[in-house]
Amino acid sequence: MGKQKILTVDDNEEIRNIIKILLESEGYEVIEAPDGETALSLVDDSIDLIILDIMMPGKSGLDVCKIIREKYQMPILFLTAKGTDSDKSLGLLIGGDDYLAKPFSHAELTARVKSLLRRYYVYKGKEAPADDNVITYDIFKISKDRNEVFTTDSKGNEIQLDLSELEYQIFKLLIGSPGRIFPAQLIYETIWNEPYLYSSNATIMVHIRNLRTKIEEDPSNPHHLLTVWGKGYKLQ
């Protein structure tokens, strides 16, 4: 069985990008729509879950939800900057399944997504795809259910790396999209769940340097965790 497919609908490109990175690092397939009309053109039976912003120009998330519910029953997670009980009640009343207010943490988003998908598969009487708890890339392997990272030495022996929790979260983010350049701001706001400030770059640099000492044979001449000057970091 293939990856579970999630449609994220938000007029804010940065938010869509963050959601895509977070969920792809968890093993989901993510497609995007910048507005309600585009979202409606993408919805079909292959979609397992929709993350839908309420406040959008043109068709609102509430309008889109009403139309989707005329034909489809996949779970809908409303995403909005508003956090009032009336917003939540209205969204759930017209067919939404859950509600998540911005700003949200990685843990909040993934917990809601996993819960909704689990309930949906039970409702449909289908067997949910097995959780992809292991990510492998090059000489590295991540066991997501145990927060453990392993590497393979020149003799083929598997060695566990002693990473701090923040180092592990950064590495998991990068290994989820190998070759992709992650700006320092995106790394900081995703991992620390705080607004990025100029001083935050120093925090990122320290953790990247410490991570290199643990995953690179020669940290001063890295071959895996690279700095792309002026752009960010990537796992190669």
C-alpha atoms as a PDB file:
ATOM      1  CA  MET A   1       0.000   0.000   0.000  1.00  0.00           C
ATOM      2  CA  GLY A   2       1.313   3.482  -0.883  1.00  0.00           C
ATOM      3  CA  LYS A   3       1.762   6.517   1.289  1.00  0.00           C
ATOM      4  CA  GLN A   4      -1.270   8.199   2.793  1.00  0.00           C
ATOM      5  CA  LYS A   5      -2.078  11.314   0.771  1.00  0.00           C
ATOM      6  CA  ILE A   6      -2.823  14.672   2.386  1.00  0.00           C
ATOM      7  CA  LEU A   7      -4.098  17.835   0.704  1.00  0.00           C
ATOM      8  CA  THR A   8      -3.171  21.076   2.450  1.00  0.00           C
ATOM      9  CA  VAL A   9      -5.119  24.211   1.493  1.00  0.00           C
ATOM     10  CA  ASP A  10      -3.864  27.637   2.607  1.00  0.00           C
ATOM     11  CA  ASP A  11      -3.291  30.937   0.816  1.00  0.00           C
ATOM     12  CA  ASN A  12      -0.072  31.427   2.828  1.00  0.00           C
ATOM     13  CA  GLU A  13       2.749  29.749   0.895  1.00  0.00           C
ATOM     14  CA  GLU A  14       5.065  29.701   3.931  1.00  0.00           C
ATOM     15  CA  ILE A  15       2.514  27.800   6.024  1.00  0.00           C
ATOM     16  CA  ARG A  16       1.929  25.307   3.206  1.00  0.00           C
ATOM     17  CA  ASN A  17       5.680  24.822   2.920  1.00  0.00           C
ATOM     18  CA  ILE A  18       6.054  24.186   6.663  1.00  0.00           C
ATOM     19  CA  ILE A  19       3.174  21.689   6.700  1.00  0.00           C
ATOM     20  CA  LYS A  20       4.591  19.889   3.664  1.00  0.00           C
ATOM     21  CA  ILE A  21       8.042  19.553   5.222  1.00  0.00           C
ATOM     22  CA  LEU A  22       6.689  18.376   8.583  1.00  0.00           C
ATOM     23  CA  LEU A  23       4.317  15.789   7.145  1.00  0.00           C
ATOM     24  CA  GLU A  24       6.714  14.503   4.494  1.00  0.00           C
ATOM     25  CA  SER A  25       9.231  13.919   7.284  1.00  0.00           C
ATOM     26  CA  GLU A  26       6.573  11.668   8.843  1.00  0.00           C
ATOM     27  CA  GLY A  27       6.213   9.651   5.644  1.00  0.00           C
ATOM     28  CA  TYR A  28       3.059  11.189   4.146  1.00  0.00           C
ATOM     29  CA  GLU A  29       2.542  12.329   0.557  1.00  0.00           C
ATOM     30  CA  VAL A  30       1.502  15.995   0.540  1.00  0.00           C
ATOM     31  CA  ILE A  31      -0.093  18.016  -2.273  1.00  0.00           C
ATOM     32  CA  GLU A  32      -0.879  21.717  -2.011  1.00  0.00           C
ATOM     33  CA  ALA A  33      -3.563  24.184  -3.040  1.00  0.00           C
ATOM     34  CA  PRO A  34      -3.319  27.983  -2.581  1.00  0.00           C
ATOM     35  CA  ASP A  35      -7.085  28.570  -2.674  1.00  0.00           C
ATOM     36  CA  GLY A  36     -10.465  26.899  -2.485  1.00  0.00           C
ATOM     37  CA  GLU A  37     -11.071  26.580  -6.219  1.00  0.00           C
ATOM     38  CA  THR A  38      -7.763  24.793  -6.745  1.00  0.00           C
ATOM     39  CA  ALA A  39      -8.475  22.549  -3.778  1.00  0.00           C
ATOM     40  CA  LEU A  40     -11.826  21.465  -5.217  1.00  0.00           C
ATOM     41  CA  SER A  41     -10.153  20.575  -8.517  1.00  0.00           C
ATOM     42  CA  LEU A  42      -7.684  18.325  -6.680  1.00  0.00           C
ATOM     43  CA  VAL A  43     -10.058  16.465  -4.383  1.00  0.00           C
ATOM     44  CA  ASP A  44     -10.759  12.861  -5.327  1.00  0.00           C
ATOM     45  CA  ASP A  45     -10.936   9.441  -3.692  1.00  0.00           C
ATOM     46  CA  SER A  46      -7.138   9.221  -3.458  1.00  0.00           C
ATOM     47  CA  ILE A  47      -7.055  11.930  -0.765  1.00  0.00           C
ATOM     48  CA  ASP A  48      -6.937  10.515   2.766  1.00  0.00           C
ATOM     49  CA  LEU A  49      -7.101  13.808   4.695  1.00  0.00           C
ATOM     50  CA  ILE A  50      -7.519  17.539   4.015  1.00  0.00           C
ATOM     51  CA  ILE A  51      -5.923  20.323   6.063  1.00  0.00           C
ATOM     52  CA  LEU A  52      -8.063  23.361   5.293  1.00  0.00           C
ATOM     53  CA  ASP A  53      -7.534  26.997   6.234  1.00  0.00           C
ATOM     54  CA  ILE A  54     -10.778  28.770   7.107  1.00  0.00           C
ATOM     55  CA  MET A  55      -9.842  32.348   6.180  1.00  0.00           C
ATOM     56  CA  MET A  56      -8.963  32.500   2.467  1.00  0.00           C
ATOM     57  CA  PRO A  57      -9.790  34.947  -0.340  1.00  0.00           C
ATOM     58  CA  GLY A  58     -12.473  33.756  -2.712  1.00  0.00           C
ATOM     59  CA  LYS A  59     -14.094  30.593  -1.379  1.00  0.00           C
ATOM     60  CA  SER A  60     -13.530  30.308   2.369  1.00  0.00           C
ATOM     61  CA  GLY A  61     -12.564  27.044   4.008  1.00  0.00           C
ATOM     62  CA  LEU A  62     -16.128  26.716   5.259  1.00  0.00           C
ATOM     63  CA  ASP A  63     -17.496  27.009   1.706  1.00  0.00           C
ATOM     64  CA  VAL A  64     -14.982  24.458   0.442  1.00  0.00           C
ATOM     65  CA  CYS A  65     -15.857  22.055   3.243  1.00  0.00           C
ATOM     66  CA  LYS A  66     -19.580  22.224   2.410  1.00  0.00           C
ATOM     67  CA  ILE A  67     -18.919  21.364  -1.234  1.00  0.00           C
ATOM     68  CA  ILE A  68     -16.531  18.525  -0.399  1.00  0.00           C
ATOM     69  CA  ARG A  69     -19.016  16.998   2.024  1.00  0.00           C
ATOM     70  CA  GLU A  70     -21.583  16.659  -0.765  1.00  0.00           C
ATOM     71  CA  LYS A  71     -19.494  13.826  -2.217  1.00  0.00           C
ATOM     72  CA  TYR A  72     -16.553  12.858   0.007  1.00  0.00           C
ATOM     73  CA  GLN A  73     -16.077  11.718   3.604  1.00  0.00           C
ATOM     74  CA  MET A  74     -12.312  11.972   4.150  1.00  0.00           C
ATOM     75  CA  PRO A  75     -11.436  13.793   7.410  1.00  0.00           C
ATOM     76  CA  ILE A  76     -11.012  17.564   7.297  1.00  0.00           C
ATOM     77  CA  LEU A  77      -8.748  19.342   9.770  1.00  0.00           C
ATOM     78  CA  PHE A  78      -9.538  23.061   9.919  1.00  0.00           C
ATOM     79  CA  LEU A  79      -6.539  25.344  10.298  1.00  0.00           C
ATOM     80  CA  THR A  80      -7.012  28.975  11.247  1.00  0.00           C
ATOM     81  CA  ALA A  81      -5.498  31.866  13.141  1.00  0.00           C
ATOM     82  CA  LYS A  82      -8.767  32.273  14.980  1.00  0.00           C
ATOM     83  CA  GLY A  83      -9.254  30.359  18.196  1.00  0.00           C
ATOM     84  CA  THR A  84     -12.732  31.205  19.394  1.00  0.00           C
ATOM     85  CA  ASP A  85     -15.252  28.547  20.335  1.00  0.00           C
ATOM     86  CA  SER A  86     -17.710  29.907  17.743  1.00  0.00           C
ATOM     87  CA  ASP A  87     -15.214  29.337  14.911  1.00  0.00           C
ATOM     88  CA  LYS A  88     -14.566  25.834  16.120  1.00  0.00           C
ATOM     89  CA  SER A  89     -18.234  25.003  16.506  1.00  0.00           C
ATOM     90  CA  LEU A  90     -19.145  26.353  13.056  1.00  0.00           C
ATOM     91  CA  GLY A  91     -16.355  24.406  11.384  1.00  0.00           C
ATOM     92  CA  LEU A  92     -17.343  21.151  13.062  1.00  0.00           C
ATOM     93  CA  LEU A  93     -21.040  21.785  12.398  1.00  0.00           C
ATOM     94  CA  ILE A  94     -20.615  21.968   8.614  1.00  0.00           C
ATOM     95  CA  GLY A  95     -18.547  18.786   8.400  1.00  0.00           C
ATOM     96  CA  GLY A  96     -15.076  19.411   9.775  1.00  0.00           C
ATOM     97  CA  ASP A  97     -13.551  16.708  11.954  1.00  0.00           C
ATOM     98  CA  ASP A  98     -11.052  18.649  14.034  1.00  0.00           C
ATOM     99  CA  TYR A  99      -9.617  22.098  14.521  1.00  0.00           C
ATOM    100  CA  LEU A 100      -6.052  23.378  14.969  1.00  0.00           C
ATOM    101  CA  ALA A 101      -5.222  27.019  15.660  1.00  0.00           C
ATOM    102  CA  LYS A 102      -2.144  28.781  14.302  1.00  0.00           C
ATOM    103  CA  PRO A 103       0.606  28.874  15.371  1.00  0.00           C
ATOM    104  CA  PHE A 104       0.887  25.114  15.905  1.00  0.00           C
ATOM    105  CA  SER A 105       3.746  22.840  16.900  1.00  0.00           C
ATOM    106  CA  HIS A 106       5.099  19.880  14.950  1.00  0.00           C
ATOM    107  CA  ALA A 107       3.844  17.556  17.692  1.00  0.00           C
ATOM    108  CA  GLU A 108       0.313  19.053  17.644  1.00  0.00           C
ATOM    109  CA  LEU A 109      -0.026  18.789  13.882  1.00  0.00           C
ATOM    110  CA  THR A 110       1.261  15.222  13.553  1.00  0.00           C
ATOM    111  CA  ALA A 111      -0.805  14.027  16.534  1.00  0.00           C
ATOM    112  CA  ARG A 112      -4.035  15.406  15.014  1.00  0.00           C
ATOM    113  CA  VAL A 113      -3.216  14.012  11.572  1.00  0.00           C
ATOM    114  CA  LYS A 114      -2.421  10.523  12.870  1.00  0.00           C
ATOM    115  CA  SER A 115      -5.542  10.447  15.035  1.00  0.00           C
ATOM    116  CA  LEU A 116      -7.849  11.524  12.196  1.00  0.00           C
ATOM    117  CA  LEU A 117      -6.340   9.059   9.740  1.00  0.00           C
ATOM    118  CA  ARG A 118      -6.576   6.203  12.236  1.00  0.00           C
ATOM    119  CA  ARG A 119     -10.263   6.919  12.887  1.00  0.00           C
ATOM    120  CA  TYR A 120     -10.984   7.291   9.159  1.00  0.00           C
ATOM    121  CA  TYR A 121      -9.462   3.941   8.285  1.00  0.00           C
ATOM    122  CA  VAL A 122     -11.421   2.240  11.053  1.00  0.00           C
ATOM    123  CA  TYR A 123     -14.609   3.927   9.799  1.00  0.00           C
ATOM    124  CA  LYS A 124     -13.918   2.804   6.233  1.00  0.00           C
ATOM    125  CA  GLY A 125     -13.159  -0.724   7.400  1.00  0.00           C
ATOM    126  CA  LYS A 126      -9.740  -0.558   5.786  1.00  0.00           C
ATOM    127  CA  GLU A 127      -6.379  -1.551   7.159  1.00  0.00           C
ATOM    128  CA  ALA A 128      -4.271   1.513   7.707  1.00  0.00           C
ATOM    129  CA  PRO A 129      -0.804   1.472   6.156  1.00  0.00           C
ATOM    130  CA  ALA A 130       1.846   0.414   8.634  1.00  0.00           C
ATOM    131  CA  ASP A 131       3.574   3.370  10.239  1.00  0.00           C
ATOM    132  CA  ASP A 132       6.845   4.056   8.483  1.00  0.00           C
ATOM    133  CA  ASN A 133       8.903   4.278  11.650  1.00  0.00           C
ATOM    134  CA  VAL A 134      12.233   3.878   9.894  1.00  0.00           C
ATOM    135  CA  ILE A 135      13.866   6.393   7.542  1.00  0.00           C
ATOM    136  CA  THR A 136      17.023   5.354   5.720  1.00  0.00           C
ATOM    137  CA  TYR A 137      19.286   7.498   3.574  1.00  0.00           C
ATOM    138  CA  ASP A 138      22.844   6.749   2.490  1.00  0.00           C
ATOM    139  CA  ILE A 139      24.685   5.443   5.596  1.00  0.00           C
ATOM    140  CA  PHE A 140      22.054   6.714   8.042  1.00  0.00           C
ATOM    141  CA  LYS A 141      18.941   5.189   9.572  1.00  0.00           C
ATOM    142  CA  ILE A 142      16.380   6.829  11.875  1.00  0.00           C
ATOM    143  CA  SER A 143      14.043   4.881  14.135  1.00  0.00           C
ATOM    144  CA  LYS A 144      11.277   7.441  14.667  1.00  0.00           C
ATOM    145  CA  ASP A 145       9.391   5.490  17.333  1.00  0.00           C
ATOM    146  CA  ARG A 146      12.536   5.400  19.487  1.00  0.00           C
ATOM    147  CA  ASN A 147      14.119   8.745  18.489  1.00  0.00           C
ATOM    148  CA  GLU A 148      17.316   6.898  17.574  1.00  0.00           C
ATOM    149  CA  VAL A 149      19.806   7.509  14.756  1.00  0.00           C
ATOM    150  CA  PHE A 150      22.245   4.927  13.407  1.00  0.00           C
ATOM    151  CA  THR A 151      25.111   5.074  10.938  1.00  0.00           C
ATOM    152  CA  THR A 152      27.141   2.403   9.177  1.00  0.00           C
ATOM    153  CA  ASP A 153      30.945   2.345   9.410  1.00  0.00           C
ATOM    154  CA  SER A 154      33.394   1.322   6.687  1.00  0.00           C
ATOM    155  CA  LYS A 155      33.171  -2.328   7.781  1.00  0.00           C
ATOM    156  CA  GLY A 156      29.376  -2.394   7.524  1.00  0.00           C
ATOM    157  CA  ASN A 157      28.781  -2.258  11.265  1.00  0.00           C
ATOM    158  CA  GLU A 158      25.724  -0.340  12.492  1.00  0.00           C
ATOM    159  CA  ILE A 159      26.547   2.237  15.160  1.00  0.00           C
ATOM    160  CA  GLN A 160      24.055   4.267  17.194  1.00  0.00           C
ATOM    161  CA  LEU A 161      24.742   8.004  17.329  1.00  0.00           C
ATOM    162  CA  ASP A 162      24.419   9.831  20.636  1.00  0.00           C
ATOM    163  CA  LEU A 163      22.338  12.854  19.623  1.00  0.00           C
ATOM    164  CA  SER A 164      20.601  15.354  21.866  1.00  0.00           C
ATOM    165  CA  GLU A 165      16.857  15.780  21.348  1.00  0.00           C
ATOM    166  CA  LEU A 166      17.316  19.005  19.356  1.00  0.00           C
ATOM    167  CA  GLU A 167      20.069  17.465  17.231  1.00  0.00           C
ATOM    168  CA  TYR A 168      17.789  14.507  16.544  1.00  0.00           C
ATOM    169  CA  GLN A 169      14.883  16.762  15.518  1.00  0.00           C
ATOM    170  CA  ILE A 170      17.104  18.765  13.161  1.00  0.00           C
ATOM    171  CA  PHE A 171      18.544  15.605  11.602  1.00  0.00           C
ATOM    172  CA  LYS A 172      15.090  14.059  11.183  1.00  0.00           C
ATOM    173  CA  LEU A 173      13.868  17.227   9.460  1.00  0.00           C
ATOM    174  CA  LEU A 174      16.801  17.235   7.020  1.00  0.00           C
ATOM    175  CA  ILE A 175      16.725  13.512   6.256  1.00  0.00           C
ATOM    176  CA  GLY A 176      13.018  13.772   5.440  1.00  0.00           C
ATOM    177  CA  SER A 177      13.932  15.734   2.274  1.00  0.00           C
ATOM    178  CA  PRO A 178      17.520  14.860   1.270  1.00  0.00           C
ATOM    179  CA  GLY A 179      19.141  17.428  -0.984  1.00  0.00           C
ATOM    180  CA  ARG A 180      16.625  20.118  -0.085  1.00  0.00           C
ATOM    181  CA  ILE A 181      18.057  23.380   1.243  1.00  0.00           C
ATOM    182  CA  PHE A 182      16.521  24.362   4.579  1.00  0.00           C
ATOM    183  CA  PRO A 183      16.898  28.064   5.500  1.00  0.00           C
ATOM    184  CA  ALA A 184      17.950  28.724   9.088  1.00  0.00           C
ATOM    185  CA  GLN A 185      14.662  30.513   9.735  1.00  0.00           C
ATOM    186  CA  LEU A 186      12.625  27.480   8.656  1.00  0.00           C
ATOM    187  CA  ILE A 187      14.734  25.133  10.801  1.00  0.00           C
ATOM    188  CA  TYR A 188      14.443  27.383  13.846  1.00  0.00           C
ATOM    189  CA  GLU A 189      10.707  28.041  13.616  1.00  0.00           C
ATOM    190  CA  THR A 190       9.987  24.360  12.913  1.00  0.00           C
ATOM    191  CA  ILE A 191      12.149  22.865  15.673  1.00  0.00           C
ATOM    192  CA  TRP A 192      11.970  25.545  18.358  1.00  0.00           C
ATOM    193  CA  ASN A 193       8.411  26.641  17.456  1.00  0.00           C
ATOM    194  CA  GLU A 194       9.344  30.283  18.096  1.00  0.00           C
ATOM    195  CA  PRO A 195       9.635  33.365  15.849  1.00  0.00           C
ATOM    196  CA  TYR A 196      13.044  33.638  14.182  1.00  0.00           C
ATOM    197  CA  LEU A 197      15.249  36.527  15.289  1.00  0.00           C
ATOM    198  CA  TYR A 198      18.679  37.586  14.030  1.00  0.00           C
ATOM    199  CA  SER A 199      20.293  36.016  17.106  1.00  0.00           C
ATOM    200  CA  SER A 200      18.561  32.700  16.340  1.00  0.00           C
ATOM    201  CA  ASN A 201      21.052  32.030  13.565  1.00  0.00           C
ATOM    202  CA  ALA A 202      23.828  31.591  16.138  1.00  0.00           C
ATOM    203  CA  THR A 203      21.727  28.971  17.929  1.00  0.00           C
ATOM    204  CA  ILE A 204      21.268  27.048  14.681  1.00  0.00           C
ATOM    205  CA  MET A 205      24.996  27.232  13.883  1.00  0.00           C
ATOM    206  CA  VAL A 206      25.946  25.789  17.267  1.00  0.00           C
ATOM    207  CA  HIS A 207      23.582  22.826  16.899  1.00  0.00           C
ATOM    208  CA  ILE A 208      24.664  22.183  13.302  1.00  0.00           C
ATOM    209  CA  ARG A 209      28.316  22.221  14.388  1.00  0.00           C
ATOM    210  CA  ASN A 210      27.604  19.801  17.239  1.00  0.00           C
ATOM    211  CA  LEU A 211      25.614  17.548  14.923  1.00  0.00           C
ATOM    212  CA  ARG A 212      28.497  17.445  12.452  1.00  0.00           C
ATOM    213  CA  THR A 213      30.893  16.252  15.144  1.00  0.00           C
ATOM    214  CA  LYS A 214      28.660  13.213  15.603  1.00  0.00           C
ATOM    215  CA  ILE A 215      27.767  12.279  12.014  1.00  0.00           C
ATOM    216  CA  GLU A 216      30.835  13.324  10.018  1.00  0.00           C
ATOM    217  CA  GLU A 217      34.148  11.480   9.809  1.00  0.00           C
ATOM    218  CA  ASP A 218      35.863  14.872   9.464  1.00  0.00           C
ATOM    219  CA  PRO A 219      33.567  17.634  10.793  1.00  0.00           C
ATOM    220  CA  SER A 220      35.862  20.326   9.359  1.00  0.00           C
ATOM    221  CA  ASN A 221      35.338  18.856   5.881  1.00  0.00           C
ATOM    222  CA  PRO A 222      31.736  17.591   5.946  1.00  0.00           C
ATOM    223  CA  HIS A 223      30.405  15.290   3.245  1.00  0.00           C
ATOM    224  CA  HIS A 224      26.843  14.816   4.528  1.00  0.00           C
ATOM    225  CA  LEU A 225      25.577  17.891   6.399  1.00  0.00           C
ATOM    226  CA  LEU A 226      26.469  20.826   4.162  1.00  0.00           C
ATOM    227  CA  THR A 227      26.171  24.582   4.492  1.00  0.00           C
ATOM    228  CA  VAL A 228      24.848  26.329   1.381  1.00  0.00           C
ATOM    229  CA  TRP A 229      26.174  29.815   1.940  1.00  0.00           C
ATOM    230  CA  GLY A 230      23.508  32.479   2.010  1.00  0.00           C
ATOM    231  CA  LYS A 231      20.721  29.882   1.757  1.00  0.00           C
ATOM    232  CA  GLY A 232      20.819  27.348   4.588  1.00  0.00           C
ATOM    233  CA  TYR A 233      21.671  23.699   5.202  1.00  0.00           C
ATOM    234  CA  LYS A 234      21.075  20.403   3.452  1.00  0.00           C
ATOM    235  CA  LEU A 235      21.752  16.715   3.936  1.00  0.00           C
ATOM    236  CA  GLN A 236      23.635  15.301   0.958  1.00  0.00           C
END
